[in-house]
Amino acid sequence: MTHSPLPAPAAADPDRVLIFDTTLRDGEQSPGATMTHEEKLEIAQLLDEMGVDIIEAGFPIASEGDFAAVKAIAEQTRNAVICGLARANAADIDRAWEAVKHAARPRIHTFIGTSPLHRDITRLTQDEMAERIHATVSRARDLCENVQWSPMDATRTERDYLCRVVEVAIRAGASTINIPDTVGYTAPRESAEIIAMLLREVPGAQEVVFATHCHNDLGMATANALAAVEAGARQIECTINGLGERAGNTALEEVVMALKVRHDILPWSTGIDTRRIMQASRLVSAVSGFPVQYNKAIVGKNAFAHESGIHQDGVLKNAETFEIMKPEDIGLTATNLVMGKHSGRAALRAKLKELGYDLAENQLADAFVRFKALADRKKEIYDEDLVALMQDTAAGAHQDLVVLTSLRVICGTEAPQTADMVLAVDGVEQSTTATGDGPVDAAFNAVKALVPHDVRLQIYQVHAVTEGTDAQATVSVRLESQGRIFTGQAADTDTVVASAKAYLNALNKFLAYERAGRPVTDIAAAVS
């Protein structure tokens, strides 16, 4: 069956670039970035509010958890197209449709690897693969009017064969053709050449939207995506903070702000409310447990910091001397006013709203209690402290099976160190004393003694939220059990307490998963 492709979503406005966010799918495939159901819903809601055009909510056939998350996101999202990923087979496509069909604007995204390397893996000839592409895209189109197709490893596929299969997918009814640079091999000139070639050579290419999906293995993901747009692509696939497998994906904040700041030479626009970028960056960092590097473009801590005397002098006289964008354009407050123990509830509400947190009364009451407790231990509380406080509150918002009641650590110049710990386990307090090679090791050993488990500590990271000896420490922990990753994060002025809370945050996710008994289907890596 041959379908007539739908009018391309961006065809009416050639100056508009669609933003396709795959943080919840490709971003979550990054080792250690597994997100809970509630965390996925929270991220999806923020992406929808900030103006993302298409949200790739997950890979529905991968697990019952993935299916449930995609389905829930499809049902709650108001504006964005909700997309589910599917391999080139009927079971995947049907499952994806079941997950997204209740969305106001559903999309099925199906793919197959087309490069010689991937054809060897699938053991399909060029003709057999072309037939499968036509059959599976047609099946998806019979179910859903909005179908996207991707030739995985497109940039290493023979150009003539790439043209052939793209034509097949268009004839079968795909309205979006995505060209993935799956392994981050392409350079900007090649990225532009491929898009230009397809638009020039493939019959029907002018009737669909071409998308670009780039990985950052050689540090060129943003450049490749923008080069593709210059050549005619009108959809960029990206993730918040560039989260993704290996070196990550094209970063949403980078391409969006590049188009905004350099509109003089990149005359295309997006629908993104850039003032929500920092909020999204902080949320994804907290949920994934992946800290943002200090010198990360746009959202890094140092992106608007100036230490050089020449730079400081210039910025004081005219910010444009050394800043090409305004901090408030991405949601950073123009001023970093200090809060303290004398600050009231109204001031806290106003400051949190300024930082992107619009709280209900019960949420504000809880945040105010935590704020006052922090203010008793820390003289000056900066914006970064409040962000850490809100992230810590979110991390402990669900009903934990194990809660830290008290922790006392005895340290000395000679090992071992000792930790006296009390945990509430299913509401029942239990205590123990454990030793270890350092205070954190002793605290972790105490947790293991009270709650025996077989998870392995994979990563332990600490960074100070602000400067000074009373600075809060934010600790990220990653636990692994039988290939399943569980991340935790917590903040406290006491590094050992923050460490214990972060470990328990990750452990509670593991225990909840074990109690639910949810099976995970062993799925090969999805399209990138």
Protein backbone atom coordinates (compact mmCIF):
# COMPACT_ATOMS: atom_id res chain seq x y z
CA MET A 1 0.00 0.00 0.00
CA THR A 2 1.23 3.49 -0.85
CA HIS A 3 0.11 6.40 1.27
CA SER A 4 0.13 10.02 0.26
CA PRO A 5 2.29 11.84 2.79
CA LEU A 6 0.54 14.35 5.01
CA PRO A 7 1.38 18.02 4.59
CA ALA A 8 4.64 18.62 6.41
CA PRO A 9 4.04 20.26 9.84
CA ALA A 10 6.58 23.03 9.10
CA ALA A 11 5.81 23.44 5.39
CA ALA A 12 3.57 26.45 6.02
CA ASP A 13 6.39 28.25 7.82
CA PRO A 14 9.82 27.51 6.34
CA ASP A 15 11.43 29.79 8.93
CA ARG A 16 10.26 27.60 11.83
CA VAL A 17 12.45 24.81 13.25
CA LEU A 18 10.65 22.13 15.23
CA ILE A 19 12.26 20.99 18.49
CA PHE A 20 12.01 17.24 19.07
CA ASP A 21 13.12 16.41 22.61
CA THR A 22 14.28 12.86 23.28
CA THR A 23 15.52 13.30 26.86
CA LEU A 24 13.01 10.71 28.06
CA ARG A 25 14.08 8.14 25.45
CA ASP A 26 17.60 8.61 24.12
CA GLY A 27 18.65 10.61 27.17
CA GLU A 28 17.46 7.88 29.51
CA GLN A 29 19.51 5.33 27.56
CA SER A 30 22.61 7.03 28.93
CA PRO A 31 24.09 4.51 31.41
CA GLY A 32 22.87 5.44 34.88
CA ALA A 33 20.21 7.92 33.77
CA THR A 34 17.19 5.72 34.50
CA MET A 35 14.20 7.81 35.64
CA THR A 36 11.17 6.89 37.72
CA HIS A 37 7.62 7.08 36.39
CA GLU A 38 6.89 10.25 38.36
CA GLU A 39 10.15 11.89 37.25
CA LYS A 40 9.34 11.24 33.60
CA LEU A 41 5.90 12.82 34.00
CA GLU A 42 7.43 15.88 35.67
CA ILE A 43 9.99 16.36 32.90
CA ALA A 44 7.37 15.85 30.18
CA GLN A 45 5.11 18.48 31.76
CA LEU A 46 7.94 21.01 31.86
CA LEU A 47 8.96 20.26 28.25
CA ASP A 48 5.36 20.80 27.17
CA GLU A 49 5.10 24.07 29.08
CA MET A 50 8.35 25.44 27.65
CA GLY A 51 7.19 24.90 24.07
CA VAL A 52 8.85 21.69 22.88
CA ASP A 53 7.08 20.65 19.66
CA ILE A 54 7.55 16.87 19.88
CA ILE A 55 8.33 14.83 23.01
CA GLU A 56 9.73 11.34 22.41
CA ALA A 57 8.34 9.88 25.61
CA GLY A 58 10.01 6.48 25.45
CA PHE A 59 10.31 3.05 23.88
CA PRO A 60 6.98 1.41 24.78
CA ILE A 61 7.88 -2.21 24.09
CA ALA A 62 11.09 -2.03 26.17
CA SER A 63 9.27 -2.69 29.45
CA GLU A 64 5.94 -2.37 31.20
CA GLY A 65 7.36 0.67 32.98
CA ASP A 66 8.28 2.37 29.70
CA PHE A 67 4.84 1.61 28.26
CA ALA A 68 3.06 3.01 31.33
CA ALA A 69 5.17 6.19 31.29
CA VAL A 70 4.58 6.86 27.58
CA LYS A 71 0.86 6.21 27.98
CA ALA A 72 0.58 8.53 30.99
CA ILE A 73 2.55 11.29 29.24
CA ALA A 74 0.31 10.93 26.17
CA GLU A 75 -2.79 11.31 28.33
CA GLN A 76 -1.58 14.33 30.33
CA THR A 77 0.21 16.42 27.67
CA ARG A 78 -1.74 19.34 26.26
CA ASN A 79 0.31 20.86 23.45
CA ALA A 80 3.25 18.77 22.23
CA VAL A 81 3.13 15.85 19.84
CA ILE A 82 3.81 12.68 21.87
CA CYS A 83 6.01 10.15 20.12
CA GLY A 84 6.72 6.50 20.88
CA LEU A 85 9.69 4.64 19.39
CA ALA A 86 9.35 1.31 17.57
CA ARG A 87 11.69 -1.00 15.72
CA ALA A 88 10.75 -2.22 12.26
CA ASN A 89 8.37 -4.97 13.30
CA ALA A 90 4.64 -5.24 13.88
CA ALA A 91 4.84 -5.95 17.62
CA ASP A 92 6.86 -2.80 18.34
CA ILE A 93 4.66 -0.61 16.15
CA ASP A 94 1.41 -1.92 17.66
CA ARG A 95 2.76 -1.44 21.18
CA ALA A 96 3.89 2.11 20.40
CA TRP A 97 0.43 2.95 19.07
CA GLU A 98 -1.25 1.53 22.18
CA ALA A 99 0.92 3.84 24.28
CA VAL A 100 0.44 7.08 22.31
CA LYS A 101 -3.02 6.72 20.81
CA HIS A 102 -4.74 8.76 23.54
CA ALA A 103 -2.47 11.75 23.00
CA ALA A 104 -4.03 14.88 21.53
CA ARG A 105 -1.33 14.65 18.83
CA PRO A 106 0.22 11.15 18.64
CA ARG A 107 3.22 10.08 16.56
CA ILE A 108 4.86 6.71 15.87
CA HIS A 109 8.61 6.80 15.24
CA THR A 110 9.90 3.63 13.60
CA PHE A 111 13.46 2.85 12.51
CA ILE A 112 15.85 0.31 11.09
CA GLY A 113 19.64 0.33 10.64
CA THR A 114 20.45 0.90 6.98
CA SER A 115 24.26 1.07 6.86
CA PRO A 116 26.26 -1.95 5.62
CA LEU A 117 27.20 -2.72 9.23
CA HIS A 118 23.58 -2.85 10.31
CA ARG A 119 22.43 -4.78 7.25
CA ASP A 120 25.00 -7.43 8.18
CA ILE A 121 23.48 -7.64 11.65
CA THR A 122 19.91 -8.00 10.37
CA ARG A 123 21.07 -10.27 7.50
CA LEU A 124 18.83 -8.43 5.06
CA THR A 125 19.69 -7.63 1.47
CA GLN A 126 19.05 -4.12 0.23
CA ASP A 127 15.85 -5.26 -1.46
CA GLU A 128 14.63 -7.15 1.61
CA MET A 129 15.28 -4.15 3.82
CA ALA A 130 13.44 -1.83 1.45
CA GLU A 131 10.45 -4.19 1.54
CA ARG A 132 10.48 -4.25 5.34
CA ILE A 133 10.65 -0.45 5.51
CA HIS A 134 7.62 -0.14 3.23
CA ALA A 135 5.66 -2.73 5.18
CA THR A 136 6.40 -1.35 8.64
CA VAL A 137 5.97 2.34 7.79
CA SER A 138 2.68 1.43 6.06
CA ARG A 139 1.54 -0.43 9.17
CA ALA A 140 2.41 2.55 11.36
CA ARG A 141 0.58 4.91 8.98
CA ASP A 142 -2.52 2.69 9.02
CA LEU A 143 -2.62 3.20 12.78
CA CYS A 144 -1.44 6.80 13.09
CA GLU A 145 -1.51 9.72 10.66
CA ASN A 146 1.74 11.16 12.03
CA VAL A 147 4.63 8.78 11.29
CA GLN A 148 8.35 9.46 11.56
CA TRP A 149 10.93 7.14 10.04
CA SER A 150 14.67 6.91 10.72
CA PRO A 151 17.43 5.05 8.87
CA MET A 152 19.71 4.28 11.81
CA ASP A 153 23.38 5.02 11.07
CA ALA A 154 22.19 7.07 8.09
CA THR A 155 25.41 9.03 7.83
CA ARG A 156 27.38 5.81 7.15
CA THR A 157 24.83 4.46 4.66
CA GLU A 158 25.68 4.50 0.94
CA ARG A 159 24.22 7.72 -0.47
CA ASP A 160 22.32 6.07 -3.33
CA TYR A 161 20.81 3.49 -1.01
CA LEU A 162 19.89 6.19 1.53
CA CYS A 163 18.01 8.03 -1.22
CA ARG A 164 16.23 4.82 -2.17
CA VAL A 165 14.99 3.92 1.33
CA VAL A 166 13.99 7.49 2.13
CA GLU A 167 11.82 7.46 -0.98
CA VAL A 168 10.32 4.13 0.10
CA ALA A 169 9.45 5.55 3.55
CA ILE A 170 7.86 8.67 2.04
CA ARG A 171 5.77 6.58 -0.35
CA ALA A 172 4.68 4.39 2.56
CA GLY A 173 3.34 7.44 4.41
CA ALA A 174 6.07 8.88 6.63
CA SER A 175 5.59 12.63 7.10
CA THR A 176 8.90 13.15 8.92
CA ILE A 177 12.23 11.68 7.81
CA ASN A 178 14.90 11.74 10.49
CA ILE A 179 18.57 11.40 9.52
CA PRO A 180 20.54 10.08 12.54
CA ASP A 181 24.28 10.45 12.97
CA THR A 182 24.09 7.48 15.30
CA VAL A 183 27.76 7.27 16.26
CA GLY A 184 28.68 10.96 16.03
CA TYR A 185 30.93 10.37 13.03
CA THR A 186 29.78 13.18 10.73
CA ALA A 187 31.28 16.65 10.30
CA PRO A 188 29.13 19.76 9.65
CA ARG A 189 29.84 19.93 5.91
CA GLU A 190 28.76 16.30 5.47
CA SER A 191 25.67 16.84 7.61
CA ALA A 192 24.57 19.67 5.32
CA GLU A 193 25.44 17.74 2.15
CA ILE A 194 23.31 14.74 3.13
CA ILE A 195 20.21 16.82 3.83
CA ALA A 196 20.68 18.87 0.65
CA MET A 197 21.17 15.70 -1.41
CA LEU A 198 17.98 14.07 -0.07
CA LEU A 199 15.91 17.20 -0.69
CA ARG A 200 17.33 17.43 -4.21
CA GLU A 201 17.33 13.78 -5.29
CA VAL A 202 14.39 12.05 -3.55
CA PRO A 203 10.92 12.30 -5.15
CA GLY A 204 8.44 13.69 -2.63
CA ALA A 205 11.15 15.06 -0.34
CA GLN A 206 9.71 18.57 -0.51
CA GLU A 207 6.43 17.25 0.94
CA VAL A 208 7.88 16.07 4.27
CA VAL A 209 9.90 17.44 7.16
CA PHE A 210 13.55 16.38 7.39
CA ALA A 211 14.97 16.03 10.86
CA THR A 212 18.52 15.75 12.16
CA HIS A 213 19.63 13.64 15.13
CA CYS A 214 23.28 14.08 16.07
CA HIS A 215 25.56 12.57 18.68
CA ASN A 216 28.50 14.36 20.22
CA ASP A 217 31.29 11.76 20.02
CA LEU A 218 33.56 14.20 18.20
CA GLY A 219 32.14 17.30 19.87
CA MET A 220 30.25 18.39 16.75
CA ALA A 221 26.60 17.57 17.55
CA THR A 222 25.40 21.18 17.78
CA ALA A 223 27.40 22.23 14.70
CA ASN A 224 26.07 19.25 12.72
CA ALA A 225 22.47 20.01 13.71
CA LEU A 226 22.73 23.67 12.70
CA ALA A 227 24.45 22.76 9.43
CA ALA A 228 21.56 20.42 8.64
CA VAL A 229 19.09 23.24 9.31
CA GLU A 230 21.00 25.53 6.94
CA ALA A 231 20.67 22.80 4.31
CA GLY A 232 16.90 22.46 4.76
CA ALA A 233 16.21 20.29 7.82
CA ARG A 234 13.35 21.73 9.85
CA GLN A 235 13.37 19.49 12.92
CA ILE A 236 16.21 19.11 15.43
CA GLU A 237 16.30 16.10 17.74
CA CYS A 238 17.98 16.98 21.01
CA THR A 239 18.06 16.49 24.77
CA ILE A 240 18.27 18.70 27.83
CA ASN A 241 21.92 19.13 28.90
CA GLY A 242 22.93 17.01 25.89
CA LEU A 243 22.08 13.89 27.92
CA GLY A 244 22.49 10.67 25.96
CA GLU A 245 24.54 7.60 25.21
CA ARG A 246 28.34 7.83 25.17
CA ALA A 247 29.23 11.53 24.69
CA GLY A 248 25.55 12.53 24.53
CA ASN A 249 23.18 14.12 22.03
CA THR A 250 22.74 17.57 20.57
CA ALA A 251 21.93 19.84 23.53
CA LEU A 252 18.54 21.55 23.28
CA GLU A 253 19.79 24.64 25.07
CA GLU A 254 22.70 25.05 22.66
CA VAL A 255 20.78 24.89 19.39
CA VAL A 256 17.88 26.97 20.69
CA MET A 257 20.11 29.73 22.00
CA ALA A 258 22.34 29.62 18.91
CA LEU A 259 19.28 30.25 16.75
CA LYS A 260 18.17 33.04 19.09
CA VAL A 261 21.52 34.80 19.57
CA ARG A 262 22.77 34.43 15.98
CA HIS A 263 19.47 35.08 14.26
CA ASP A 264 21.38 37.40 11.94
CA ILE A 265 23.02 34.45 10.16
CA LEU A 266 20.67 31.66 11.33
CA PRO A 267 17.29 33.20 10.44
CA TRP A 268 15.07 30.46 11.87
CA SER A 269 12.99 30.45 15.03
CA THR A 270 11.74 27.89 17.55
CA GLY A 271 8.74 27.92 19.85
CA ILE A 272 10.84 27.46 22.98
CA ASP A 273 10.35 29.75 25.98
CA THR A 274 14.06 30.11 26.68
CA ARG A 275 13.36 31.47 30.17
CA ARG A 276 12.56 27.88 31.22
CA ILE A 277 15.92 26.47 30.07
CA MET A 278 17.70 26.66 33.43
CA GLN A 279 14.72 25.11 35.18
CA ALA A 280 14.74 22.21 32.72
CA SER A 281 18.51 21.81 33.02
CA ARG A 282 18.36 21.66 36.82
CA LEU A 283 15.46 19.22 36.80
CA VAL A 284 17.08 16.79 34.36
CA SER A 285 20.39 17.00 36.22
CA ALA A 286 18.70 16.22 39.53
CA VAL A 287 16.57 13.40 38.14
CA SER A 288 19.34 11.73 36.13
CA GLY A 289 22.07 12.24 38.71
CA PHE A 290 24.31 13.71 36.00
CA PRO A 291 25.81 17.02 37.20
CA VAL A 292 26.22 19.74 34.58
CA GLN A 293 29.89 20.50 33.98
CA TYR A 294 30.82 23.98 35.17
CA ASN A 295 31.95 25.16 31.74
CA LYS A 296 28.99 23.66 29.85
CA ALA A 297 27.68 26.06 27.21
CA ILE A 298 24.54 28.01 28.19
CA VAL A 299 23.67 26.18 31.45
CA GLY A 300 27.04 25.60 33.12
CA LYS A 301 27.73 27.32 36.44
CA ASN A 302 30.54 29.35 34.85
CA ALA A 303 28.64 30.28 31.68
CA PHE A 304 27.99 33.79 33.05
CA ALA A 305 30.86 33.98 35.58
CA HIS A 306 33.76 36.38 35.13
CA GLU A 307 36.96 36.15 37.18
CA SER A 308 39.48 37.90 34.97
CA GLY A 309 39.93 41.54 36.02
CA ILE A 310 39.64 42.75 32.44
CA HIS A 311 36.42 40.78 31.96
CA GLN A 312 34.94 41.95 35.26
CA ASP A 313 35.70 45.58 34.46
CA GLY A 314 34.16 45.27 31.01
CA VAL A 315 30.99 43.54 32.26
CA LEU A 316 30.49 46.14 34.98
CA LYS A 317 30.64 48.92 32.40
CA ASN A 318 28.63 47.13 29.73
CA ALA A 319 27.49 43.52 30.07
CA GLU A 320 27.63 43.05 26.31
CA THR A 321 31.40 43.47 26.44
CA PHE A 322 31.84 39.82 27.43
CA GLU A 323 28.28 38.39 27.44
CA ILE A 324 26.51 37.55 24.18
CA MET A 325 23.20 36.77 25.90
CA LYS A 326 21.41 37.93 29.01
CA PRO A 327 21.30 35.53 31.98
CA GLU A 328 17.58 36.19 32.36
CA ASP A 329 17.02 34.99 28.77
CA ILE A 330 17.61 31.41 29.97
CA GLY A 331 15.90 31.82 33.34
CA LEU A 332 18.79 32.93 35.52
CA THR A 333 17.80 35.68 37.91
CA ALA A 334 19.39 39.04 37.28
CA THR A 335 20.33 39.30 40.95
CA ASN A 336 21.41 36.66 43.44
CA LEU A 337 19.95 38.13 46.63
CA VAL A 338 20.95 36.42 49.83
CA MET A 339 18.22 34.84 51.97
CA GLY A 340 18.64 34.13 55.67
CA LYS A 341 16.90 32.95 58.82
CA HIS A 342 14.97 36.23 59.10
CA SER A 343 13.47 35.88 55.63
CA GLY A 344 9.74 35.18 55.69
CA ARG A 345 7.44 32.84 53.82
CA ALA A 346 6.42 35.49 51.28
CA ALA A 347 10.05 36.24 50.44
CA LEU A 348 10.75 32.53 50.02
CA ARG A 349 7.74 32.09 47.74
CA ALA A 350 8.83 35.05 45.58
CA LYS A 351 12.42 33.84 45.37
CA LEU A 352 11.39 30.25 44.49
CA LYS A 353 9.00 31.53 41.84
CA GLU A 354 11.87 33.57 40.41
CA LEU A 355 13.89 30.33 40.25
CA GLY A 356 11.07 28.49 38.42
CA TYR A 357 9.31 26.80 41.35
CA ASP A 358 5.62 27.76 41.61
CA LEU A 359 4.51 25.96 44.77
CA ALA A 360 1.10 25.14 46.19
CA GLU A 361 0.47 26.09 49.83
CA ASN A 362 1.29 22.64 51.24
CA GLN A 363 4.47 22.45 49.16
CA LEU A 364 5.49 25.94 50.29
CA ALA A 365 4.89 25.02 53.92
CA ASP A 366 7.19 22.00 53.59
CA ALA A 367 9.83 24.01 51.73
CA PHE A 368 9.68 26.75 54.37
CA VAL A 369 10.36 24.26 57.17
CA ARG A 370 13.38 22.90 55.27
CA PHE A 371 14.53 26.44 54.48
CA LYS A 372 14.44 27.48 58.13
CA ALA A 373 16.34 24.34 59.14
CA LEU A 374 18.98 25.15 56.54
CA ALA A 375 19.12 28.79 57.66
CA ASP A 376 19.89 27.68 61.21
CA ARG A 377 22.97 25.86 59.93
CA LYS A 378 24.06 28.20 57.14
CA LYS A 379 24.31 31.96 57.62
CA GLU A 380 23.75 33.01 54.01
CA ILE A 381 21.52 31.12 51.58
CA TYR A 382 22.03 31.77 47.87
CA ASP A 383 19.97 30.85 44.82
CA GLU A 384 22.03 27.68 44.32
CA ASP A 385 21.24 26.61 47.90
CA LEU A 386 17.52 26.99 47.26
CA VAL A 387 17.75 25.00 44.01
CA ALA A 388 19.57 22.23 45.89
CA LEU A 389 16.93 22.40 48.63
CA MET A 390 14.11 21.98 46.10
CA GLN A 391 15.90 19.12 44.36
CA ASP A 392 16.47 17.42 47.70
CA THR A 393 12.78 17.90 48.55
CA ALA A 394 11.75 16.39 45.21
CA ALA A 395 14.12 13.44 45.70
CA GLY A 396 12.42 12.55 48.98
CA ALA A 397 8.86 13.38 47.93
CA HIS A 398 7.76 9.80 47.35
CA GLN A 399 6.94 7.39 50.20
CA ASP A 400 10.31 5.89 51.11
CA LEU A 401 10.59 2.43 52.62
CA VAL A 402 13.76 3.41 54.47
CA VAL A 403 14.28 6.83 56.11
CA LEU A 404 17.32 8.20 57.90
CA THR A 405 16.39 9.09 61.49
CA SER A 406 19.81 9.92 62.91
CA LEU A 407 23.49 9.57 62.07
CA ARG A 408 26.52 10.15 64.27
CA VAL A 409 29.99 9.63 62.88
CA ILE A 410 33.18 9.37 64.94
CA CYS A 411 36.28 10.35 63.01
CA GLY A 412 39.95 10.23 63.90
CA THR A 413 43.32 10.28 62.26
CA GLU A 414 43.45 6.50 62.37
CA ALA A 415 41.07 4.09 60.65
CA PRO A 416 38.54 2.65 61.05
CA GLN A 417 35.89 5.37 61.37
CA THR A 418 32.62 4.60 63.15
CA ALA A 419 29.00 5.41 62.24
CA ASP A 420 26.06 5.13 64.67
CA MET A 421 22.91 5.06 62.55
CA VAL A 422 19.18 4.84 63.16
CA LEU A 423 16.89 4.06 60.21
CA ALA A 424 13.11 3.81 60.06
CA VAL A 425 12.55 0.66 57.99
CA ASP A 426 8.89 0.35 57.00
CA GLY A 427 8.11 2.61 59.93
CA VAL A 428 10.08 0.61 62.49
CA GLU A 429 13.24 2.17 63.89
CA GLN A 430 16.39 0.05 63.80
CA SER A 431 19.88 1.02 64.89
CA THR A 432 23.42 -0.23 64.37
CA THR A 433 27.07 0.74 64.63
CA ALA A 434 29.38 0.10 61.71
CA THR A 435 32.97 0.88 60.83
CA GLY A 436 34.61 1.73 57.54
CA ASP A 437 37.56 3.22 55.75
CA GLY A 438 36.37 6.78 56.25
CA PRO A 439 33.11 8.30 57.52
CA VAL A 440 31.16 7.84 54.28
CA ASP A 441 32.20 4.18 53.98
CA ALA A 442 31.17 3.63 57.61
CA ALA A 443 27.76 5.22 56.96
CA PHE A 444 27.18 3.09 53.87
CA ASN A 445 28.20 -0.04 55.79
CA ALA A 446 25.65 0.86 58.47
CA VAL A 447 22.93 1.05 55.81
CA LYS A 448 23.96 -2.37 54.48
CA ALA A 449 23.84 -3.84 57.98
CA LEU A 450 20.30 -2.56 58.62
CA VAL A 451 18.95 -3.20 55.11
CA PRO A 452 20.82 -6.16 53.56
CA HIS A 453 20.95 -5.86 49.76
CA ASP A 454 23.04 -6.98 46.82
CA VAL A 455 23.34 -3.70 44.91
CA ARG A 456 26.79 -2.44 43.96
CA LEU A 457 27.93 1.15 44.41
CA GLN A 458 28.93 2.22 40.90
CA ILE A 459 29.48 5.98 41.22
CA TYR A 460 29.79 8.37 44.17
CA GLN A 461 30.16 12.10 43.44
CA VAL A 462 30.27 15.17 45.69
CA HIS A 463 30.24 18.83 44.73
CA ALA A 464 29.77 22.01 46.74
CA VAL A 465 26.68 24.05 45.89
CA THR A 466 28.28 27.36 46.89
CA GLU A 467 31.57 28.50 48.35
CA GLY A 468 32.59 28.56 52.00
CA THR A 469 33.06 26.04 54.80
CA ASP A 470 29.31 26.05 55.48
CA ALA A 471 28.43 25.28 51.85
CA GLN A 472 25.88 22.60 51.12
CA ALA A 473 27.24 19.47 49.54
CA THR A 474 25.22 17.81 46.80
CA VAL A 475 25.95 14.10 46.57
CA SER A 476 25.03 11.85 43.64
CA VAL A 477 25.04 8.07 44.03
CA ARG A 478 24.56 5.39 41.40
CA LEU A 479 23.74 1.81 42.41
CA GLU A 480 23.66 -1.20 40.07
CA SER A 481 21.87 -4.54 40.41
CA GLN A 482 21.79 -7.13 37.61
CA GLY A 483 22.29 -4.45 34.97
CA ARG A 484 19.59 -2.17 36.38
CA ILE A 485 20.73 1.30 37.47
CA PHE A 486 19.29 3.31 40.37
CA THR A 487 20.41 6.88 41.04
CA GLY A 488 20.04 9.03 44.12
CA GLN A 489 20.84 12.60 45.05
CA ALA A 490 20.73 14.64 48.25
CA ALA A 491 22.05 17.91 49.65
CA ASP A 492 23.11 18.88 53.15
CA THR A 493 25.64 21.10 54.88
CA ASP A 494 27.05 17.86 56.34
CA THR A 495 28.68 15.88 53.53
CA VAL A 496 28.32 12.56 55.35
CA VAL A 497 24.61 13.13 55.98
CA ALA A 498 24.13 14.14 52.34
CA SER A 499 25.98 10.96 51.30
CA ALA A 500 23.78 8.73 53.47
CA LYS A 501 20.60 10.40 52.20
CA ALA A 502 21.70 10.06 48.56
CA TYR A 503 22.53 6.38 49.07
CA LEU A 504 19.13 5.81 50.68
CA ASN A 505 17.41 7.74 47.89
CA ALA A 506 18.88 5.33 45.33
CA LEU A 507 18.31 2.29 47.56
CA ASN A 508 14.63 3.18 48.03
CA LYS A 509 14.19 3.21 44.26
CA PHE A 510 15.74 -0.26 44.12
CA LEU A 511 13.53 -1.56 46.94
CA ALA A 512 10.39 -0.08 45.36
CA TYR A 513 11.33 -1.70 42.06
CA GLU A 514 11.89 -5.06 43.80
CA ARG A 515 8.56 -4.88 45.59
CA ALA A 516 6.73 -4.02 42.38
CA GLY A 517 8.33 -7.04 40.72
CA ARG A 518 8.22 -5.36 37.33
CA PRO A 519 9.93 -7.38 34.60
CA VAL A 520 12.17 -5.66 32.08
CA THR A 521 12.30 -6.87 28.50
CA ASP A 522 15.84 -7.28 27.20
CA ILE A 523 15.84 -4.87 24.28
CA ALA A 524 18.81 -4.07 22.10
CA ALA A 525 19.91 -0.44 22.04
CA ALA A 526 17.39 1.75 20.29
CA VAL A 527 17.91 4.20 17.46
CA SER A 528 20.22 7.09 18.10
